[in-house]
Structures are given as structure tokens and as C-alpha cells.
């Protein structure tokens, strides 16, 4: 199976730093570089397991997750632009079960004290074209999302334990619309990554307001504040129906 290189918190910031050092003031006419780092305050809801259990019953609630991204845009009309983004989505909880549930082939009985680890971290490679590029911007393309995590449930008092790997590349349709407010530095944007097949689906939406300063000659600094919602429904492996929602904030640099 095709694998994408994992972008960890050490690798992607280094890539962003390299792009910063390698870009000169004149490079914007040939290659545009847009990068950022941020955090997503994520709230979990839904259930998982063959005999499902609610996330609230496992004490899975909120986590603060790190995000990194870099965008490369060029003037060649045939080749797509590319955005690489990594999102860390890890949570761990401990709870005493009010009722039993089945995870994969293992039954965890009521009254059992269990530790749950869920890692939905993923790396996106977004290949897109700028359909419109003025004060109204429209990007359309394809996202390849590489999940690189797992989910595990283990008993604190017995030898019961089960781990399901989530290692897959999922293609999704991608679209983003951005509206620049002329002469202000402000913009608003909305984006979507979606796919649905059989009884599985992955939908990822975000909306944001951003500000980019034009005070520096070589590059612009900015901030982006938004809200993101990701829903994942799988009838295999994790047997999950989960929604992750919450606000996010990013600091950006644009060359």
C-alpha cells in the first residue's frame, strides 16, 4: 500500500523554516509560499465499537491538538498547487463502564475499568487549481488524507486489551472559497473535504476569518481564527461514528 511520510511536530516546522530561509523578495512572482502553525480545540462526540459505546461513557471529551501546514503556489497552469498539512488528533481517557461493549472481537463487561487511546492523526496532501484568483478566490481539487493512528482499549484490572490500526489513504474532493475585503487585509473563507462510499463517509468543513499585514517588504504575517467540524463514519475497523468539532487559531506567514 502506498504510504505517505509522516509529518511529525519536528519535521513539518523544519520544512516551514527551510521555506522561509529559501524564499527571497522576488520569489513571489515565481513561487508563492504560505505556511502556518496553530491549534485546534477539539470536542469529541459519537460512539465506536461493534456493540457501540458513547464517547461520553469513556470520559472522552476535549483535547487541544497541534496543526502545521505549508502551501506552494506557482504560475504553471497545467500543474496543480499543493498544500501539505498535518493534524495531531490524540486523546486518552479512563473510565469505569456502566454497561458492556464490544470493540473489534473483544467484549468489555460492565463494571470494568478501561483505558482508551484514540489517535486519528493524519497528513493531507491537497492538489488543487485556482479557478478564480482576485478578490474572490476559488480553489478546487483533490485531497489525499493519510491516517496514521490507531485505537486501543485495555482493562486496568485484567488482561483484556485490543488495538485496531487505522492506516489508510482516503481520497476526498476539495474546495475552498475565500473573499478578500479590499484594502483592509481581512478575508473570510470556507473549505470542505468530502467523500462518501457504501456506508462510510468522511466530511471535513471549516470556516474562518483571517488578517494579513502588509507592513513587511519580504513577507506578510497573519492570523486566522475559525471553526472546524470533521465527521468520520466507518463500518469496518473502528466501527465508529465520531464527530470532532471546535474552534482553531493559526499564525501564518505569506511570501
C-alpha atoms as a PDB file:
ATOM      1  CA  UNK A   1       0.000   0.000   0.000  1.00  0.00           C
ATOM      2  CA  UNK A   2       1.225   3.469  -0.822  1.00  0.00           C
ATOM      3  CA  UNK A   3       2.363   5.285   2.276  1.00  0.00           C
ATOM      4  CA  UNK A   4       2.930   8.967   2.871  1.00  0.00           C
ATOM      5  CA  UNK A   5       5.804  10.169   5.004  1.00  0.00           C
ATOM      6  CA  UNK A   6       4.649  11.039   8.498  1.00  0.00           C
ATOM      7  CA  UNK A   7       4.960  14.761   9.223  1.00  0.00           C
ATOM      8  CA  UNK A   8       5.618  14.983  12.939  1.00  0.00           C
ATOM      9  CA  UNK A   9       5.865  18.075  15.041  1.00  0.00           C
ATOM     10  CA  UNK A  10       9.612  18.009  14.415  1.00  0.00           C
ATOM     11  CA  UNK A  11       9.581  17.543  10.622  1.00  0.00           C
ATOM     12  CA  UNK A  12       6.963  19.970   9.361  1.00  0.00           C
ATOM     13  CA  UNK A  13       8.165  23.017  11.344  1.00  0.00           C
ATOM     14  CA  UNK A  14      11.628  22.327   9.897  1.00  0.00           C
ATOM     15  CA  UNK A  15      10.140  22.272   6.406  1.00  0.00           C
ATOM     16  CA  UNK A  16       8.394  25.566   7.057  1.00  0.00           C
ATOM     17  CA  UNK A  17      11.609  27.097   8.381  1.00  0.00           C
ATOM     18  CA  UNK A  18      13.504  25.908   5.301  1.00  0.00           C
ATOM     19  CA  UNK A  19      10.913  27.522   3.056  1.00  0.00           C
ATOM     20  CA  UNK A  20      11.265  30.775   4.974  1.00  0.00           C
ATOM     21  CA  UNK A  21      15.043  30.840   4.587  1.00  0.00           C
ATOM     22  CA  UNK A  22      14.999  29.823   0.924  1.00  0.00           C
ATOM     23  CA  UNK A  23      12.477  32.403  -0.272  1.00  0.00           C
ATOM     24  CA  UNK A  24      13.605  35.857  -1.405  1.00  0.00           C
ATOM     25  CA  UNK A  25      11.641  39.018  -2.015  1.00  0.00           C
ATOM     26  CA  UNK A  26      11.454  38.374  -5.770  1.00  0.00           C
ATOM     27  CA  UNK A  27      10.323  34.751  -5.450  1.00  0.00           C
ATOM     28  CA  UNK A  28       6.647  35.655  -5.206  1.00  0.00           C
ATOM     29  CA  UNK A  29       6.471  36.145  -8.972  1.00  0.00           C
ATOM     30  CA  UNK A  30       7.590  32.539  -9.489  1.00  0.00           C
ATOM     31  CA  UNK A  31       6.572  30.666  -6.360  1.00  0.00           C
ATOM     32  CA  UNK A  32       4.200  31.650  -3.585  1.00  0.00           C
ATOM     33  CA  UNK A  33       4.772  30.151  -0.153  1.00  0.00           C
ATOM     34  CA  UNK A  34       2.135  30.214   2.571  1.00  0.00           C
ATOM     35  CA  UNK A  35       2.732  28.452   5.876  1.00  0.00           C
ATOM     36  CA  UNK A  36       1.330  28.341   9.352  1.00  0.00           C
ATOM     37  CA  UNK A  37       1.153  26.687  12.753  1.00  0.00           C
ATOM     38  CA  UNK A  38      -1.837  26.537  15.051  1.00  0.00           C
ATOM     39  CA  UNK A  39      -4.035  24.659  17.479  1.00  0.00           C
ATOM     40  CA  UNK A  40      -7.475  23.102  17.232  1.00  0.00           C
ATOM     41  CA  UNK A  41      -9.588  22.830  20.388  1.00  0.00           C
ATOM     42  CA  UNK A  42     -11.409  19.584  19.629  1.00  0.00           C
ATOM     43  CA  UNK A  43     -14.534  18.190  21.271  1.00  0.00           C
ATOM     44  CA  UNK A  44     -15.354  14.530  20.651  1.00  0.00           C
ATOM     45  CA  UNK A  45     -18.862  13.138  20.280  1.00  0.00           C
ATOM     46  CA  UNK A  46     -20.315   9.917  18.876  1.00  0.00           C
ATOM     47  CA  UNK A  47     -19.615   6.240  19.512  1.00  0.00           C
ATOM     48  CA  UNK A  48     -17.477   3.332  18.422  1.00  0.00           C
ATOM     49  CA  UNK A  49     -17.271  -0.437  18.749  1.00  0.00           C
ATOM     50  CA  UNK A  50     -19.173  -3.390  17.224  1.00  0.00           C
ATOM     51  CA  UNK A  51     -21.603  -3.125  20.134  1.00  0.00           C
ATOM     52  CA  UNK A  52     -21.152   0.643  20.341  1.00  0.00           C
ATOM     53  CA  UNK A  53     -20.441   2.785  23.356  1.00  0.00           C
ATOM     54  CA  UNK A  54     -20.780   6.553  23.583  1.00  0.00           C
ATOM     55  CA  UNK A  55     -17.600   8.613  23.886  1.00  0.00           C
ATOM     56  CA  UNK A  56     -19.068  10.326  26.954  1.00  0.00           C
ATOM     57  CA  UNK A  57     -19.226   6.942  28.710  1.00  0.00           C
ATOM     58  CA  UNK A  58     -15.485   6.601  28.122  1.00  0.00           C
ATOM     59  CA  UNK A  59     -14.804  10.116  29.510  1.00  0.00           C
ATOM     60  CA  UNK A  60     -13.556  11.280  26.097  1.00  0.00           C
ATOM     61  CA  UNK A  61     -14.272  14.987  25.914  1.00  0.00           C
ATOM     62  CA  UNK A  62     -11.883  17.728  24.719  1.00  0.00           C
ATOM     63  CA  UNK A  63      -8.294  17.936  23.567  1.00  0.00           C
ATOM     64  CA  UNK A  64      -6.030  20.669  22.214  1.00  0.00           C
ATOM     65  CA  UNK A  65      -4.355  19.491  19.008  1.00  0.00           C
ATOM     66  CA  UNK A  66      -1.459  20.959  17.033  1.00  0.00           C
ATOM     67  CA  UNK A  67      -1.626  21.701  13.305  1.00  0.00           C
ATOM     68  CA  UNK A  68       1.062  22.598  10.749  1.00  0.00           C
ATOM     69  CA  UNK A  69       0.752  23.403   7.084  1.00  0.00           C
ATOM     70  CA  UNK A  70       2.639  24.730   4.087  1.00  0.00           C
ATOM     71  CA  UNK A  71       1.204  25.793   0.717  1.00  0.00           C
ATOM     72  CA  UNK A  72       3.153  26.087  -2.546  1.00  0.00           C
ATOM     73  CA  UNK A  73       1.566  28.008  -5.431  1.00  0.00           C
ATOM     74  CA  UNK A  74       3.112  28.556  -8.874  1.00  0.00           C
ATOM     75  CA  UNK A  75       2.139  30.142 -12.233  1.00  0.00           C
ATOM     76  CA  UNK A  76       2.144  26.906 -14.285  1.00  0.00           C
ATOM     77  CA  UNK A  77      -1.485  26.311 -15.369  1.00  0.00           C
ATOM     78  CA  UNK A  78      -1.144  22.572 -16.032  1.00  0.00           C
ATOM     79  CA  UNK A  79       0.367  21.549 -12.704  1.00  0.00           C
ATOM     80  CA  UNK A  80      -1.742  21.766  -9.526  1.00  0.00           C
ATOM     81  CA  UNK A  81      -0.770  23.776  -6.486  1.00  0.00           C
ATOM     82  CA  UNK A  82      -0.114  21.786  -3.326  1.00  0.00           C
ATOM     83  CA  UNK A  83      -0.933  22.127   0.336  1.00  0.00           C
ATOM     84  CA  UNK A  84       0.626  19.791   2.910  1.00  0.00           C
ATOM     85  CA  UNK A  85      -0.995  19.766   6.348  1.00  0.00           C
ATOM     86  CA  UNK A  86      -0.546  17.618   9.434  1.00  0.00           C
ATOM     87  CA  UNK A  87      -3.025  17.456  12.305  1.00  0.00           C
ATOM     88  CA  UNK A  88      -2.331  15.633  15.563  1.00  0.00           C
ATOM     89  CA  UNK A  89      -5.547  14.136  16.961  1.00  0.00           C
ATOM     90  CA  UNK A  90      -4.743  12.085  20.030  1.00  0.00           C
ATOM     91  CA  UNK A  91      -6.781  11.521  23.170  1.00  0.00           C
ATOM     92  CA  UNK A  92      -6.572   9.206  26.177  1.00  0.00           C
ATOM     93  CA  UNK A  93      -9.167   8.576  28.868  1.00  0.00           C
ATOM     94  CA  UNK A  94     -10.001   6.237  31.729  1.00  0.00           C
ATOM     95  CA  UNK A  95     -13.495   5.226  32.811  1.00  0.00           C
ATOM     96  CA  UNK A  96     -15.499   2.563  34.630  1.00  0.00           C
ATOM     97  CA  UNK A  97     -18.043   1.069  32.259  1.00  0.00           C
ATOM     98  CA  UNK A  98     -21.713   1.451  33.202  1.00  0.00           C
ATOM     99  CA  UNK A  99     -22.533  -1.094  30.502  1.00  0.00           C
ATOM    100  CA  UNK A 100     -20.503  -3.509  28.440  1.00  0.00           C
ATOM    101  CA  UNK A 101     -19.449  -3.019  24.825  1.00  0.00           C
ATOM    102  CA  UNK A 102     -17.613  -4.910  22.107  1.00  0.00           C
ATOM    103  CA  UNK A 103     -14.526  -3.450  20.463  1.00  0.00           C
ATOM    104  CA  UNK A 104     -13.374  -5.426  17.449  1.00  0.00           C
ATOM    105  CA  UNK A 105     -13.789  -9.019  18.768  1.00  0.00           C
ATOM    106  CA  UNK A 106     -13.199  -8.302  22.455  1.00  0.00           C
ATOM    107  CA  UNK A 107     -16.115  -7.854  24.871  1.00  0.00           C
ATOM    108  CA  UNK A 108     -15.508  -5.491  27.783  1.00  0.00           C
ATOM    109  CA  UNK A 109     -18.073  -6.159  30.541  1.00  0.00           C
ATOM    110  CA  UNK A 110     -19.951  -3.613  32.651  1.00  0.00           C
ATOM    111  CA  UNK A 111     -18.062  -2.517  35.762  1.00  0.00           C
ATOM    112  CA  UNK A 112     -14.674  -2.885  34.042  1.00  0.00           C
ATOM    113  CA  UNK A 113     -12.202  -0.041  34.409  1.00  0.00           C
ATOM    114  CA  UNK A 114     -10.791   0.661  30.930  1.00  0.00           C
ATOM    115  CA  UNK A 115      -8.184   2.934  29.392  1.00  0.00           C
ATOM    116  CA  UNK A 116      -8.988   4.194  25.880  1.00  0.00           C
ATOM    117  CA  UNK A 117      -6.449   5.626  23.461  1.00  0.00           C
ATOM    118  CA  UNK A 118      -7.598   7.075  20.130  1.00  0.00           C
ATOM    119  CA  UNK A 119      -5.219   8.516  17.543  1.00  0.00           C
ATOM    120  CA  UNK A 120      -6.854   9.994  14.425  1.00  0.00           C
ATOM    121  CA  UNK A 121      -3.774  11.971  13.401  1.00  0.00           C
ATOM    122  CA  UNK A 122      -3.493  12.493   9.673  1.00  0.00           C
ATOM    123  CA  UNK A 123      -1.499  14.184   6.948  1.00  0.00           C
ATOM    124  CA  UNK A 124      -3.192  15.817   3.961  1.00  0.00           C
ATOM    125  CA  UNK A 125      -1.743  16.324   0.505  1.00  0.00           C
ATOM    126  CA  UNK A 126      -4.108  18.713  -1.280  1.00  0.00           C
ATOM    127  CA  UNK A 127      -3.679  19.097  -5.053  1.00  0.00           C
ATOM    128  CA  UNK A 128      -5.771  21.980  -6.342  1.00  0.00           C
ATOM    129  CA  UNK A 129      -6.248  24.558  -9.088  1.00  0.00           C
ATOM    130  CA  UNK A 130      -7.117  28.223  -8.640  1.00  0.00           C
ATOM    131  CA  UNK A 131     -10.327  28.599 -10.628  1.00  0.00           C
ATOM    132  CA  UNK A 132     -10.699  32.234  -9.546  1.00  0.00           C
ATOM    133  CA  UNK A 133      -7.878  34.425  -8.288  1.00  0.00           C
ATOM    134  CA  UNK A 134      -8.855  38.015  -7.466  1.00  0.00           C
ATOM    135  CA  UNK A 135     -10.805  39.441  -4.536  1.00  0.00           C
ATOM    136  CA  UNK A 136     -12.952  36.318  -4.895  1.00  0.00           C
ATOM    137  CA  UNK A 137     -10.801  33.173  -4.763  1.00  0.00           C
ATOM    138  CA  UNK A 138     -11.996  29.671  -5.594  1.00  0.00           C
ATOM    139  CA  UNK A 139      -9.841  26.542  -5.343  1.00  0.00           C
ATOM    140  CA  UNK A 140     -10.956  23.081  -6.496  1.00  0.00           C
ATOM    141  CA  UNK A 141      -9.051  19.823  -6.322  1.00  0.00           C
ATOM    142  CA  UNK A 142      -8.362  16.533  -4.591  1.00  0.00           C
ATOM    143  CA  UNK A 143      -7.196  15.725  -1.068  1.00  0.00           C
ATOM    144  CA  UNK A 144      -5.280  12.561  -0.201  1.00  0.00           C
ATOM    145  CA  UNK A 145      -5.653  12.091   3.557  1.00  0.00           C
ATOM    146  CA  UNK A 146      -3.263   9.605   5.164  1.00  0.00           C
ATOM    147  CA  UNK A 147      -4.407   8.392   8.552  1.00  0.00           C
ATOM    148  CA  UNK A 148      -1.537   7.104  10.650  1.00  0.00           C
ATOM    149  CA  UNK A 149      -3.038   6.229  14.011  1.00  0.00           C
ATOM    150  CA  UNK A 150      -4.940   3.562  15.910  1.00  0.00           C
ATOM    151  CA  UNK A 151      -7.490   2.981  18.631  1.00  0.00           C
ATOM    152  CA  UNK A 152      -6.994   0.755  21.647  1.00  0.00           C
ATOM    153  CA  UNK A 153      -8.987  -0.258  24.700  1.00  0.00           C
ATOM    154  CA  UNK A 154      -7.420  -2.068  27.629  1.00  0.00           C
ATOM    155  CA  UNK A 155      -8.613  -3.177  31.026  1.00  0.00           C
ATOM    156  CA  UNK A 156      -6.879  -1.772  34.088  1.00  0.00           C
ATOM    157  CA  UNK A 157      -7.537  -4.917  36.144  1.00  0.00           C
ATOM    158  CA  UNK A 158      -7.476  -7.819  33.649  1.00  0.00           C
ATOM    159  CA  UNK A 159      -5.527  -8.838  30.573  1.00  0.00           C
ATOM    160  CA  UNK A 160      -8.275  -7.708  28.185  1.00  0.00           C
ATOM    161  CA  UNK A 161      -6.837  -5.438  25.517  1.00  0.00           C
ATOM    162  CA  UNK A 162      -7.484  -4.737  21.842  1.00  0.00           C
ATOM    163  CA  UNK A 163      -5.881  -2.422  19.291  1.00  0.00           C
ATOM    164  CA  UNK A 164      -7.146  -1.570  15.811  1.00  0.00           C
ATOM    165  CA  UNK A 165      -4.750   0.105  13.391  1.00  0.00           C
ATOM    166  CA  UNK A 166      -6.028   2.968  11.278  1.00  0.00           C
ATOM    167  CA  UNK A 167      -3.508   3.166   8.464  1.00  0.00           C
ATOM    168  CA  UNK A 168      -5.187   4.192   5.235  1.00  0.00           C
ATOM    169  CA  UNK A 169      -5.104   6.816   2.500  1.00  0.00           C
ATOM    170  CA  UNK A 170      -8.532   8.276   1.730  1.00  0.00           C
ATOM    171  CA  UNK A 171      -9.152  10.469  -1.351  1.00  0.00           C
ATOM    172  CA  UNK A 172     -11.601  13.352  -0.968  1.00  0.00           C
ATOM    173  CA  UNK A 173     -12.997  16.133  -3.090  1.00  0.00           C
ATOM    174  CA  UNK A 174     -11.607  19.512  -2.048  1.00  0.00           C
ATOM    175  CA  UNK A 175     -12.981  23.028  -2.403  1.00  0.00           C
ATOM    176  CA  UNK A 176     -12.201  26.381  -0.842  1.00  0.00           C
ATOM    177  CA  UNK A 177     -13.745  29.818  -1.340  1.00  0.00           C
ATOM    178  CA  UNK A 178     -12.126  32.986   0.018  1.00  0.00           C
ATOM    179  CA  UNK A 179     -13.357  36.548  -0.132  1.00  0.00           C
ATOM    180  CA  UNK A 180     -10.842  39.360   0.339  1.00  0.00           C
ATOM    181  CA  UNK A 181     -12.143  42.581   1.839  1.00  0.00           C
ATOM    182  CA  UNK A 182     -10.363  45.163  -0.375  1.00  0.00           C
ATOM    183  CA  UNK A 183      -7.789  47.488   1.212  1.00  0.00           C
ATOM    184  CA  UNK A 184      -8.303  46.041   4.715  1.00  0.00           C
ATOM    185  CA  UNK A 185      -6.077  42.958   4.941  1.00  0.00           C
ATOM    186  CA  UNK A 186      -9.102  40.982   6.165  1.00  0.00           C
ATOM    187  CA  UNK A 187     -10.662  37.978   4.445  1.00  0.00           C
ATOM    188  CA  UNK A 188     -13.233  35.295   5.115  1.00  0.00           C
ATOM    189  CA  UNK A 189     -13.025  31.725   3.850  1.00  0.00           C
ATOM    190  CA  UNK A 190     -14.749  28.352   3.919  1.00  0.00           C
ATOM    191  CA  UNK A 191     -13.364  24.981   2.853  1.00  0.00           C
ATOM    192  CA  UNK A 192     -14.585  21.408   2.528  1.00  0.00           C
ATOM    193  CA  UNK A 193     -13.134  17.926   2.091  1.00  0.00           C
ATOM    194  CA  UNK A 194     -15.777  15.277   1.469  1.00  0.00           C
ATOM    195  CA  UNK A 195     -16.220  11.646   0.439  1.00  0.00           C
ATOM    196  CA  UNK A 196     -18.953   9.043   0.882  1.00  0.00           C
ATOM    197  CA  UNK A 197     -18.968   5.416  -0.242  1.00  0.00           C
ATOM    198  CA  UNK A 198     -21.048   2.419   0.808  1.00  0.00           C
ATOM    199  CA  UNK A 199     -21.846   3.111   4.465  1.00  0.00           C
ATOM    200  CA  UNK A 200     -18.600   5.014   5.073  1.00  0.00           C
ATOM    201  CA  UNK A 201     -18.106   8.763   4.952  1.00  0.00           C
ATOM    202  CA  UNK A 202     -15.599  11.438   5.854  1.00  0.00           C
ATOM    203  CA  UNK A 203     -16.660  15.074   5.847  1.00  0.00           C
ATOM    204  CA  UNK A 204     -14.397  17.901   6.968  1.00  0.00           C
ATOM    205  CA  UNK A 205     -15.596  21.524   6.944  1.00  0.00           C
ATOM    206  CA  UNK A 206     -14.083  24.757   8.198  1.00  0.00           C
ATOM    207  CA  UNK A 207     -14.891  28.464   8.166  1.00  0.00           C
ATOM    208  CA  UNK A 208     -12.528  31.246   9.168  1.00  0.00           C
ATOM    209  CA  UNK A 209     -11.751  34.924   9.265  1.00  0.00           C
ATOM    210  CA  UNK A 210      -8.153  35.975   8.645  1.00  0.00           C
ATOM    211  CA  UNK A 211      -5.966  39.056   8.728  1.00  0.00           C
ATOM    212  CA  UNK A 212      -2.672  39.553   6.840  1.00  0.00           C
ATOM    213  CA  UNK A 213      -0.468  42.556   7.488  1.00  0.00           C
ATOM    214  CA  UNK A 214       1.360  44.307   4.641  1.00  0.00           C
ATOM    215  CA  UNK A 215       3.861  46.082   6.851  1.00  0.00           C
ATOM    216  CA  UNK A 216       6.891  43.981   5.915  1.00  0.00           C
ATOM    217  CA  UNK A 217       8.558  44.072   2.496  1.00  0.00           C
ATOM    218  CA  UNK A 218       9.620  40.443   2.132  1.00  0.00           C
ATOM    219  CA  UNK A 219       6.654  38.645   3.692  1.00  0.00           C
ATOM    220  CA  UNK A 220       3.296  39.158   5.378  1.00  0.00           C
ATOM    221  CA  UNK A 221       2.384  37.951   8.852  1.00  0.00           C
ATOM    222  CA  UNK A 222      -1.153  36.981   9.682  1.00  0.00           C
ATOM    223  CA  UNK A 223      -3.583  35.271  11.996  1.00  0.00           C
ATOM    224  CA  UNK A 224      -6.536  33.031  11.213  1.00  0.00           C
ATOM    225  CA  UNK A 225      -9.444  32.264  13.549  1.00  0.00           C
ATOM    226  CA  UNK A 226     -12.028  29.687  12.617  1.00  0.00           C
ATOM    227  CA  UNK A 227     -14.216  26.715  13.395  1.00  0.00           C
ATOM    228  CA  UNK A 228     -13.740  23.177  12.097  1.00  0.00           C
ATOM    229  CA  UNK A 229     -16.014  20.144  12.033  1.00  0.00           C
ATOM    230  CA  UNK A 230     -14.879  16.655  10.999  1.00  0.00           C
ATOM    231  CA  UNK A 231     -17.202  13.639  10.929  1.00  0.00           C
ATOM    232  CA  UNK A 232     -15.952  10.106  10.344  1.00  0.00           C
ATOM    233  CA  UNK A 233     -18.217   7.108   9.859  1.00  0.00           C
ATOM    234  CA  UNK A 234     -16.668   3.679   9.302  1.00  0.00           C
ATOM    235  CA  UNK A 235     -18.424   0.322   9.344  1.00  0.00           C
ATOM    236  CA  UNK A 236     -15.137  -1.587   9.375  1.00  0.00           C
ATOM    237  CA  UNK A 237     -12.023  -1.488  11.504  1.00  0.00           C
ATOM    238  CA  UNK A 238     -13.032   1.084  14.120  1.00  0.00           C
ATOM    239  CA  UNK A 239     -16.808   0.671  13.647  1.00  0.00           C
ATOM    240  CA  UNK A 240     -17.066   4.319  14.538  1.00  0.00           C
ATOM    241  CA  UNK A 241     -19.379   7.271  14.104  1.00  0.00           C
ATOM    242  CA  UNK A 242     -17.448  10.215  15.507  1.00  0.00           C
ATOM    243  CA  UNK A 243     -17.658  13.990  15.185  1.00  0.00           C
ATOM    244  CA  UNK A 244     -14.815  16.315  16.122  1.00  0.00           C
ATOM    245  CA  UNK A 245     -15.713  19.985  16.376  1.00  0.00           C
ATOM    246  CA  UNK A 246     -14.253  23.146  17.809  1.00  0.00           C
ATOM    247  CA  UNK A 247     -12.500  26.466  17.233  1.00  0.00           C
ATOM    248  CA  UNK A 248      -8.967  26.815  15.932  1.00  0.00           C
ATOM    249  CA  UNK A 249      -6.344  29.541  15.629  1.00  0.00           C
ATOM    250  CA  UNK A 250      -3.273  29.747  13.390  1.00  0.00           C
ATOM    251  CA  UNK A 251      -0.389  32.122  12.901  1.00  0.00           C
ATOM    252  CA  UNK A 252       0.593  32.422   9.247  1.00  0.00           C
ATOM    253  CA  UNK A 253       3.372  33.777   7.063  1.00  0.00           C
ATOM    254  CA  UNK A 254       2.889  34.572   3.378  1.00  0.00           C
ATOM    255  CA  UNK A 255       5.685  35.254   0.861  1.00  0.00           C
END
